[in-house]
Amino acid sequence: MTDKELIEKLKVGGIVSIRDYLLEQQAQGLKIARTESGDPSFDIPNNVKLAMNKALSENKTHYTAGAGVAELRKAIYQKAINENKLHLNSFSNVIITNGAMNALFAVFHAIVDNKGYKILVPTPTWTETAQNVTEVGGTPVYYQFNPFSDTPIHLDELEKLVDADSDIKAIVINSPHNPTGKILSLKNLNELIAFSQKHDLYLISDEAYEHILFDGLEHISPGFLSDYDKIISVYSFSKSYAMSGIRLGYACTQNEPILKKLAKIVRCTINGVSSVTQWGGVSAVLETPKEYFATSLAEYTVRRNAIYEGALNCKHLIPVKPEGTFYLWCKITDSWRPDIIENRSWNMTMEYLKLGVGSAPGEVFGPGGANHIRFSFSCSTEDVKLAAELLKELK
């Protein structure tokens, strides 16, 4: 497949299109509840701002090591082994990237390696996950993620998919899960690790929402449960520290061949992450007070409860109570517009836009998203409460 053919297979994200429309509406002075996309409303920690300003004043603005500033990699290594309890050997097991999306791109590129391999991807899933597999010349093979079940990922389906296709070389999991807010249980995680080992697959664990969990639930990294050297853990500063526009993420693995490939891919694509951003990252990891996370989580909890109750009061929605992330996932009931057979979630999204509520149609999250809709509660509490009141107004 040529580069031109690859690019033509990529799509402009549906959520981006909706966001652009809502921005136009806001520019016209209309009141809109911005519950369509996942950009934290909080400010980044003050210590991060100070660290970035300090880096500028000290002229730390030149090229850095391709895999990242050593101080940041060392700080993340300590965080990874102490907080996530990953089985890592040294800070050389950490690669700094331009956000988690860049980390996933590099990981997929390293695994597919121009051989056209396939990667198991959950559906529904964050839109760019499958897109990035396609972009590096691979093929996403979807497996069902069912947030209405205590075991969202069923091994029987995975076994059938792998038995039928020897080109499958990896599986992506995401917990807490975007778009459903579901968390994988300890039992399910252990099953997935055993499955990956049995079939010699890379297990790519997207843990972008590791710090946003509700009701006392705790995050569990697969890399803590096993020292299997084909586990690759991916993290983001966007959600935990509200640094979405600054673009900083990282990948951790003890797999030396993959580490070497990741370092090459990052160097040859972005030539390293912004130096000033990385020094901000050092402060984020080492100096952000625990109160920052507690305060944001308390506010997210208020928002989660408000929009979940709002969805419960809408006869056309069956919501999944979020266990993590800042997303509410709802099934569209058969009672809503039975005359609409196809693209039901897009149609509901357009109806909510008329009411002044942003949302993301389930179809953009892959085939498993059909007849579902997602609302984000990462925006202001005022917007979330407005959306919660308007949800039940849908006719």
Protein backbone atom coordinates (compact mmCIF):
# COMPACT_ATOMS: atom_id res chain seq x y z
CA MET A 1 0.00 0.00 0.00
CA THR A 2 1.38 3.42 -0.96
CA ASP A 3 1.63 6.38 1.43
CA LYS A 4 -1.12 8.10 -0.57
CA GLU A 5 -3.43 5.11 -0.16
CA LEU A 6 -2.68 4.97 3.57
CA ILE A 7 -3.49 8.65 4.07
CA GLU A 8 -6.73 8.31 2.12
CA LYS A 9 -7.81 5.52 4.50
CA LEU A 10 -7.55 7.91 7.46
CA LYS A 11 -10.59 9.94 8.44
CA VAL A 12 -11.07 13.32 10.04
CA GLY A 13 -12.33 12.49 13.54
CA GLY A 14 -16.06 12.84 13.98
CA ILE A 15 -15.52 14.38 17.41
CA VAL A 16 -13.29 17.05 15.86
CA SER A 17 -16.03 17.91 13.36
CA ILE A 18 -18.57 18.27 16.17
CA ARG A 19 -16.15 20.35 18.25
CA ASP A 20 -15.55 22.73 15.34
CA TYR A 21 -19.31 23.13 14.85
CA LEU A 22 -19.83 23.91 18.54
CA LEU A 23 -17.02 26.47 18.50
CA GLU A 24 -18.78 28.22 15.63
CA GLN A 25 -22.04 28.20 17.61
CA GLN A 26 -20.30 29.63 20.67
CA ALA A 27 -18.70 32.34 18.53
CA GLN A 28 -22.24 33.40 17.61
CA GLY A 29 -23.06 33.83 21.29
CA LEU A 30 -25.12 30.66 21.76
CA LYS A 31 -25.07 28.82 25.10
CA ILE A 32 -23.59 25.37 24.53
CA ALA A 33 -22.79 22.55 26.98
CA ARG A 34 -19.37 21.39 25.74
CA THR A 35 -19.79 17.72 26.63
CA GLU A 36 -18.46 16.37 23.34
CA SER A 37 -14.70 16.02 23.85
CA GLY A 38 -12.25 15.10 26.60
CA ASP A 39 -10.19 18.17 27.43
CA PRO A 40 -9.81 18.75 31.20
CA SER A 41 -11.20 22.11 32.33
CA PHE A 42 -8.61 22.46 35.10
CA ASP A 43 -5.44 24.54 34.90
CA ILE A 44 -2.11 22.77 34.84
CA PRO A 45 -0.36 22.70 38.25
CA ASN A 46 1.38 25.98 39.14
CA ASN A 47 4.64 24.16 39.76
CA VAL A 48 4.61 23.01 36.12
CA LYS A 49 4.16 26.59 34.88
CA LEU A 50 7.04 27.76 37.07
CA ALA A 51 9.29 24.93 35.89
CA MET A 52 8.62 25.70 32.23
CA ASN A 53 9.26 29.42 32.76
CA LYS A 54 12.46 28.55 34.61
CA ALA A 55 13.59 26.33 31.73
CA LEU A 56 13.04 29.23 29.34
CA SER A 57 14.89 31.72 31.53
CA GLU A 58 17.80 29.28 31.85
CA ASN A 59 17.85 28.79 28.07
CA LYS A 60 17.08 25.08 28.21
CA THR A 61 15.74 25.38 24.68
CA HIS A 62 18.16 23.28 22.65
CA TYR A 63 18.06 19.73 21.30
CA THR A 64 17.58 17.00 23.87
CA ALA A 65 18.39 13.30 23.78
CA GLY A 66 16.03 11.61 21.34
CA ALA A 67 14.51 9.33 24.01
CA GLY A 68 13.98 12.26 26.37
CA VAL A 69 15.71 14.38 29.00
CA ALA A 70 17.45 12.05 31.46
CA GLU A 71 15.96 13.86 34.48
CA LEU A 72 12.43 13.27 33.18
CA ARG A 73 13.06 9.62 32.31
CA LYS A 74 14.52 9.04 35.78
CA ALA A 75 11.54 10.74 37.46
CA ILE A 76 9.08 8.67 35.42
CA TYR A 77 11.04 5.49 36.12
CA GLN A 78 10.68 6.09 39.86
CA LYS A 79 6.98 6.85 39.44
CA ALA A 80 6.49 3.73 37.30
CA ILE A 81 8.15 1.34 39.74
CA ASN A 82 6.76 2.92 42.93
CA GLU A 83 3.24 3.91 41.86
CA ASN A 84 2.45 1.60 38.94
CA LYS A 85 4.86 -1.07 40.25
CA LEU A 86 6.02 -1.96 36.74
CA HIS A 87 8.78 -4.50 36.20
CA LEU A 88 11.42 -2.18 34.76
CA ASN A 89 15.21 -2.35 34.97
CA SER A 90 16.25 1.31 34.71
CA PHE A 91 15.22 4.66 33.28
CA SER A 92 16.42 3.38 29.89
CA ASN A 93 13.09 1.48 29.82
CA VAL A 94 11.26 4.82 29.45
CA ILE A 95 10.77 6.64 26.12
CA ILE A 96 9.39 10.21 26.14
CA THR A 97 6.86 11.03 23.42
CA ASN A 98 4.75 13.89 22.12
CA GLY A 99 1.65 12.77 24.02
CA ALA A 100 0.22 9.27 24.39
CA MET A 101 -1.00 9.29 20.78
CA ASN A 102 2.59 9.65 19.58
CA ALA A 103 3.59 6.82 21.94
CA LEU A 104 0.91 4.53 20.49
CA PHE A 105 1.92 5.46 16.95
CA ALA A 106 5.55 4.61 17.69
CA VAL A 107 4.63 1.34 19.42
CA PHE A 108 2.38 0.25 16.54
CA HIS A 109 5.08 1.22 14.04
CA ALA A 110 7.67 -0.82 15.92
CA ILE A 111 5.44 -3.91 15.98
CA VAL A 112 4.00 -3.75 12.46
CA ASP A 113 7.51 -2.99 11.11
CA ASN A 114 6.40 -2.72 7.46
CA LYS A 115 5.24 -6.34 7.49
CA GLY A 116 1.51 -5.63 7.41
CA TYR A 117 0.85 -7.28 10.76
CA LYS A 118 -2.51 -7.01 12.53
CA ILE A 119 -3.33 -5.72 16.00
CA LEU A 120 -6.33 -6.57 18.17
CA VAL A 121 -8.19 -3.37 19.10
CA PRO A 122 -11.27 -3.06 21.36
CA THR A 123 -14.52 -1.74 20.02
CA PRO A 124 -15.73 0.72 21.05
CA THR A 125 -12.35 2.42 21.29
CA TRP A 126 -10.78 5.86 21.22
CA THR A 127 -10.94 6.83 17.55
CA GLU A 128 -7.22 7.40 16.98
CA THR A 129 -6.17 3.97 18.24
CA ALA A 130 -7.36 2.10 15.16
CA GLN A 131 -6.38 5.03 12.93
CA ASN A 132 -2.77 4.85 14.11
CA VAL A 133 -2.61 1.11 13.43
CA THR A 134 -3.77 1.85 9.89
CA GLU A 135 -1.34 4.74 9.51
CA VAL A 136 1.70 2.52 10.10
CA GLY A 137 0.51 -0.03 7.54
CA GLY A 138 -1.11 -2.45 9.96
CA THR A 139 -4.68 -3.67 10.19
CA PRO A 140 -6.86 -3.24 13.28
CA VAL A 141 -8.83 -6.38 14.13
CA TYR A 142 -11.73 -5.45 16.38
CA TYR A 143 -12.80 -7.39 19.45
CA GLN A 144 -15.87 -6.58 21.52
CA PHE A 145 -15.58 -4.54 24.72
CA ASN A 146 -18.85 -4.82 26.66
CA PRO A 147 -19.11 -2.20 29.46
CA PHE A 148 -22.44 -3.63 30.63
CA SER A 149 -20.63 -6.81 31.73
CA ASP A 150 -18.41 -7.40 34.76
CA THR A 151 -16.03 -9.04 32.29
CA PRO A 152 -15.89 -6.56 29.39
CA ILE A 153 -13.36 -8.61 27.37
CA HIS A 154 -14.18 -12.26 26.71
CA LEU A 155 -11.31 -14.64 26.03
CA ASP A 156 -13.36 -16.99 23.84
CA GLU A 157 -13.70 -14.29 21.19
CA LEU A 158 -10.01 -13.41 21.35
CA GLU A 159 -9.00 -17.06 20.99
CA LYS A 160 -11.13 -17.44 17.86
CA LEU A 161 -9.67 -14.30 16.30
CA VAL A 162 -6.06 -15.33 16.92
CA ASP A 163 -6.62 -18.94 15.85
CA ALA A 164 -8.03 -17.69 12.55
CA ASP A 165 -5.22 -15.24 11.74
CA SER A 166 -1.49 -15.80 12.30
CA ASP A 167 -0.73 -12.19 11.32
CA ILE A 168 -2.10 -10.89 14.64
CA LYS A 169 0.92 -9.83 16.69
CA ALA A 170 -0.46 -7.63 19.49
CA ILE A 171 -3.50 -6.69 21.54
CA VAL A 172 -4.43 -3.22 22.79
CA ILE A 173 -6.26 -2.80 26.08
CA ASN A 174 -7.38 0.44 27.70
CA SER A 175 -8.33 0.72 31.36
CA PRO A 176 -9.89 2.98 32.53
CA HIS A 177 -11.61 2.74 29.17
CA ASN A 178 -12.43 5.51 26.73
CA PRO A 179 -15.27 5.83 25.72
CA THR A 180 -17.17 3.72 28.28
CA GLY A 181 -15.58 4.62 31.63
CA LYS A 182 -15.27 0.92 32.51
CA ILE A 183 -12.33 -0.51 34.47
CA LEU A 184 -10.95 -3.98 33.79
CA SER A 185 -11.03 -6.25 36.83
CA LEU A 186 -7.97 -7.97 38.27
CA LYS A 187 -9.34 -11.28 36.97
CA ASN A 188 -9.84 -9.94 33.45
CA LEU A 189 -6.36 -8.39 33.41
CA ASN A 190 -4.73 -11.65 34.49
CA GLU A 191 -6.67 -13.51 31.80
CA LEU A 192 -5.45 -11.06 29.16
CA ILE A 193 -1.83 -11.40 30.28
CA ALA A 194 -2.06 -15.22 30.14
CA PHE A 195 -3.70 -15.01 26.70
CA SER A 196 -0.93 -12.72 25.41
CA GLN A 197 1.78 -15.03 26.74
CA LYS A 198 0.09 -18.11 25.30
CA HIS A 199 0.06 -16.60 21.81
CA ASP A 200 3.33 -14.64 22.12
CA LEU A 201 1.53 -11.32 21.57
CA TYR A 202 2.59 -7.84 22.60
CA LEU A 203 0.21 -6.50 25.23
CA ILE A 204 -0.15 -2.74 24.74
CA SER A 205 -1.75 -1.15 27.79
CA ASP A 206 -3.11 2.38 27.29
CA GLU A 207 -3.32 3.87 30.80
CA ALA A 208 -4.01 7.53 29.99
CA TYR A 209 -6.74 7.78 32.66
CA GLU A 210 -4.79 6.11 35.48
CA HIS A 211 -5.54 8.88 38.00
CA ILE A 212 -9.26 9.34 37.28
CA LEU A 213 -11.10 6.58 39.15
CA PHE A 214 -14.23 6.83 41.29
CA ASP A 215 -15.70 5.27 44.41
CA GLY A 216 -12.35 4.25 45.87
CA LEU A 217 -11.34 2.06 42.93
CA GLU A 218 -7.61 1.72 42.28
CA HIS A 219 -5.73 1.54 39.02
CA ILE A 220 -3.94 -1.72 38.22
CA SER A 221 -1.24 -1.85 35.55
CA PRO A 222 -0.75 -5.17 33.71
CA GLY A 223 2.98 -4.47 33.98
CA PHE A 224 2.63 -4.84 37.75
CA LEU A 225 0.87 -8.20 37.54
CA SER A 226 3.50 -9.84 35.35
CA ASP A 227 7.11 -9.43 34.24
CA TYR A 228 6.18 -10.66 30.73
CA ASP A 229 8.61 -8.72 28.57
CA LYS A 230 6.11 -8.04 25.77
CA ILE A 231 3.98 -5.75 27.95
CA ILE A 232 4.20 -2.13 26.78
CA SER A 233 2.60 0.50 29.03
CA VAL A 234 1.58 3.89 27.61
CA TYR A 235 0.82 7.00 29.69
CA SER A 236 -0.21 10.62 29.19
CA PHE A 237 0.24 13.93 31.01
CA SER A 238 -2.92 15.28 29.30
CA LYS A 239 -5.51 13.82 31.67
CA SER A 240 -3.66 13.58 35.01
CA TYR A 241 -2.10 17.06 34.87
CA ALA A 242 -4.48 18.79 32.40
CA MET A 243 -1.51 19.27 30.05
CA SER A 244 -3.48 18.33 26.92
CA GLY A 245 -2.23 21.25 24.83
CA ILE A 246 1.39 20.87 25.92
CA ARG A 247 1.70 17.33 24.50
CA LEU A 248 3.68 14.98 26.69
CA GLY A 249 3.47 11.23 27.14
CA TYR A 250 5.67 8.17 27.49
CA ALA A 251 5.98 4.45 26.92
CA CYS A 252 7.53 1.93 29.32
CA THR A 253 8.75 -1.56 28.52
CA GLN A 254 11.63 -3.84 29.38
CA ASN A 255 11.62 -5.28 25.84
CA GLU A 256 15.00 -4.22 24.43
CA PRO A 257 14.26 -4.75 20.69
CA ILE A 258 11.10 -2.63 21.01
CA LEU A 259 12.93 0.05 23.01
CA LYS A 260 15.56 0.38 20.30
CA LYS A 261 12.88 0.71 17.62
CA LEU A 262 10.89 3.24 19.67
CA ALA A 263 13.96 5.43 20.14
CA LYS A 264 14.63 5.40 16.39
CA ILE A 265 11.01 6.10 15.45
CA VAL A 266 10.68 9.01 17.89
CA ARG A 267 13.98 10.50 16.73
CA CYS A 268 13.15 10.17 13.03
CA THR A 269 9.59 11.50 13.31
CA ILE A 270 9.60 14.29 15.91
CA ASN A 271 13.33 14.42 16.81
CA GLY A 272 12.44 14.56 20.49
CA VAL A 273 9.80 16.37 22.53
CA SER A 274 10.01 20.11 23.28
CA SER A 275 12.74 20.67 25.87
CA VAL A 276 10.66 23.19 27.85
CA THR A 277 7.73 20.77 27.95
CA GLN A 278 9.96 18.03 29.31
CA TRP A 279 11.25 20.21 32.15
CA GLY A 280 7.63 20.96 32.98
CA GLY A 281 7.09 17.20 33.03
CA VAL A 282 9.89 16.74 35.57
CA SER A 283 8.09 19.10 37.93
CA ALA A 284 4.72 17.49 37.22
CA VAL A 285 5.99 14.09 38.32
CA LEU A 286 8.15 15.19 41.25
CA GLU A 287 6.47 18.31 42.64
CA THR A 288 2.72 18.22 41.97
CA PRO A 289 0.98 18.13 45.38
CA LYS A 290 -1.42 15.28 46.07
CA GLU A 291 -4.11 17.89 46.72
CA TYR A 292 -4.11 18.70 43.00
CA PHE A 293 -5.33 15.21 42.13
CA ALA A 294 -7.74 15.08 45.08
CA THR A 295 -9.33 18.40 44.14
CA SER A 296 -9.82 17.52 40.49
CA LEU A 297 -11.15 14.05 41.32
CA ALA A 298 -13.66 15.52 43.78
CA GLU A 299 -14.94 17.86 41.07
CA TYR A 300 -15.05 15.07 38.49
CA THR A 301 -17.10 13.04 40.96
CA VAL A 302 -19.67 15.83 41.25
CA ARG A 303 -19.86 16.03 37.47
CA ARG A 304 -20.03 12.25 37.05
CA ASN A 305 -22.95 12.00 39.44
CA ALA A 306 -24.81 14.90 37.82
CA ILE A 307 -24.62 13.69 34.24
CA TYR A 308 -25.26 10.07 35.19
CA GLU A 309 -28.43 11.09 37.02
CA GLY A 310 -29.41 13.22 34.03
CA ALA A 311 -29.06 10.24 31.70
CA LEU A 312 -31.07 8.02 34.06
CA ASN A 313 -33.88 10.56 33.75
CA CYS A 314 -33.89 10.32 29.96
CA LYS A 315 -36.15 7.50 28.79
CA HIS A 316 -34.15 7.13 25.59
CA LEU A 317 -30.79 6.39 27.25
CA ILE A 318 -29.36 3.45 29.22
CA PRO A 319 -26.16 4.75 30.86
CA VAL A 320 -23.12 2.89 32.17
CA LYS A 321 -22.09 4.42 35.50
CA PRO A 322 -18.48 5.56 34.95
CA GLU A 323 -15.92 3.79 37.13
CA GLY A 324 -13.11 5.92 35.70
CA THR A 325 -12.26 8.50 32.99
CA PHE A 326 -14.54 11.50 32.47
CA TYR A 327 -16.95 9.92 29.98
CA LEU A 328 -20.54 8.72 30.19
CA TRP A 329 -21.46 5.96 27.73
CA CYS A 330 -25.11 5.34 26.95
CA LYS A 331 -27.03 2.83 24.90
CA ILE A 332 -29.82 4.33 22.80
CA THR A 333 -33.11 2.59 23.53
CA ASP A 334 -35.37 1.21 20.83
CA SER A 335 -38.04 3.67 21.96
CA TRP A 336 -36.22 6.63 20.43
CA ARG A 337 -37.14 7.29 16.80
CA PRO A 338 -37.78 3.67 15.71
CA ASP A 339 -38.14 5.04 12.17
CA ILE A 340 -34.37 5.67 12.09
CA ILE A 341 -32.57 2.41 11.34
CA GLU A 342 -29.06 3.51 10.39
CA ASN A 343 -26.67 6.03 11.97
CA ARG A 344 -28.89 6.34 15.03
CA SER A 345 -26.15 7.78 17.22
CA TRP A 346 -25.28 10.46 14.65
CA ASN A 347 -28.95 11.40 14.47
CA MET A 348 -29.22 11.60 18.25
CA THR A 349 -26.03 13.69 18.37
CA MET A 350 -27.57 16.16 15.92
CA GLU A 351 -30.78 16.34 17.98
CA TYR A 352 -28.79 17.08 21.13
CA LEU A 353 -26.86 19.78 19.26
CA LYS A 354 -30.20 21.49 18.63
CA LEU A 355 -30.79 21.43 22.38
CA GLY A 356 -27.35 22.93 23.00
CA VAL A 357 -25.67 19.74 24.22
CA GLY A 358 -22.45 18.41 22.72
CA SER A 359 -21.93 14.65 22.44
CA ALA A 360 -19.95 12.10 20.45
CA PRO A 361 -21.84 9.58 18.30
CA GLY A 362 -21.02 5.97 19.10
CA GLU A 363 -20.18 5.12 15.49
CA VAL A 364 -16.94 7.13 15.63
CA PHE A 365 -15.62 4.65 18.22
CA GLY A 366 -15.77 1.71 15.83
CA PRO A 367 -18.41 -0.91 15.00
CA GLY A 368 -19.04 -1.63 18.69
CA GLY A 369 -20.24 1.94 19.15
CA ALA A 370 -23.29 1.69 16.91
CA ASN A 371 -26.52 2.72 18.67
CA HIS A 372 -24.60 4.35 21.54
CA ILE A 373 -23.62 7.90 22.45
CA ARG A 374 -20.89 9.40 24.64
CA PHE A 375 -20.97 12.51 26.82
CA SER A 376 -17.83 13.99 28.36
CA PHE A 377 -17.80 15.58 31.81
CA SER A 378 -14.29 17.03 31.53
CA CYS A 379 -15.71 20.49 30.80
CA SER A 380 -16.85 22.95 33.47
CA THR A 381 -19.23 21.79 36.19
CA GLU A 382 -21.65 24.46 34.99
CA ASP A 383 -21.68 22.94 31.49
CA VAL A 384 -22.08 19.41 32.85
CA LYS A 385 -25.03 20.38 35.03
CA LEU A 386 -26.62 22.21 32.09
CA ALA A 387 -26.21 19.10 29.93
CA ALA A 388 -27.65 16.92 32.69
CA GLU A 389 -30.79 19.07 32.76
CA LEU A 390 -31.15 19.05 28.98
CA LEU A 391 -30.64 15.31 28.43
CA LYS A 392 -34.21 14.50 29.40
CA GLU A 393 -35.56 17.12 26.96
CA LEU A 394 -34.87 14.83 24.00
CA LYS A 395 -38.13 13.96 22.26
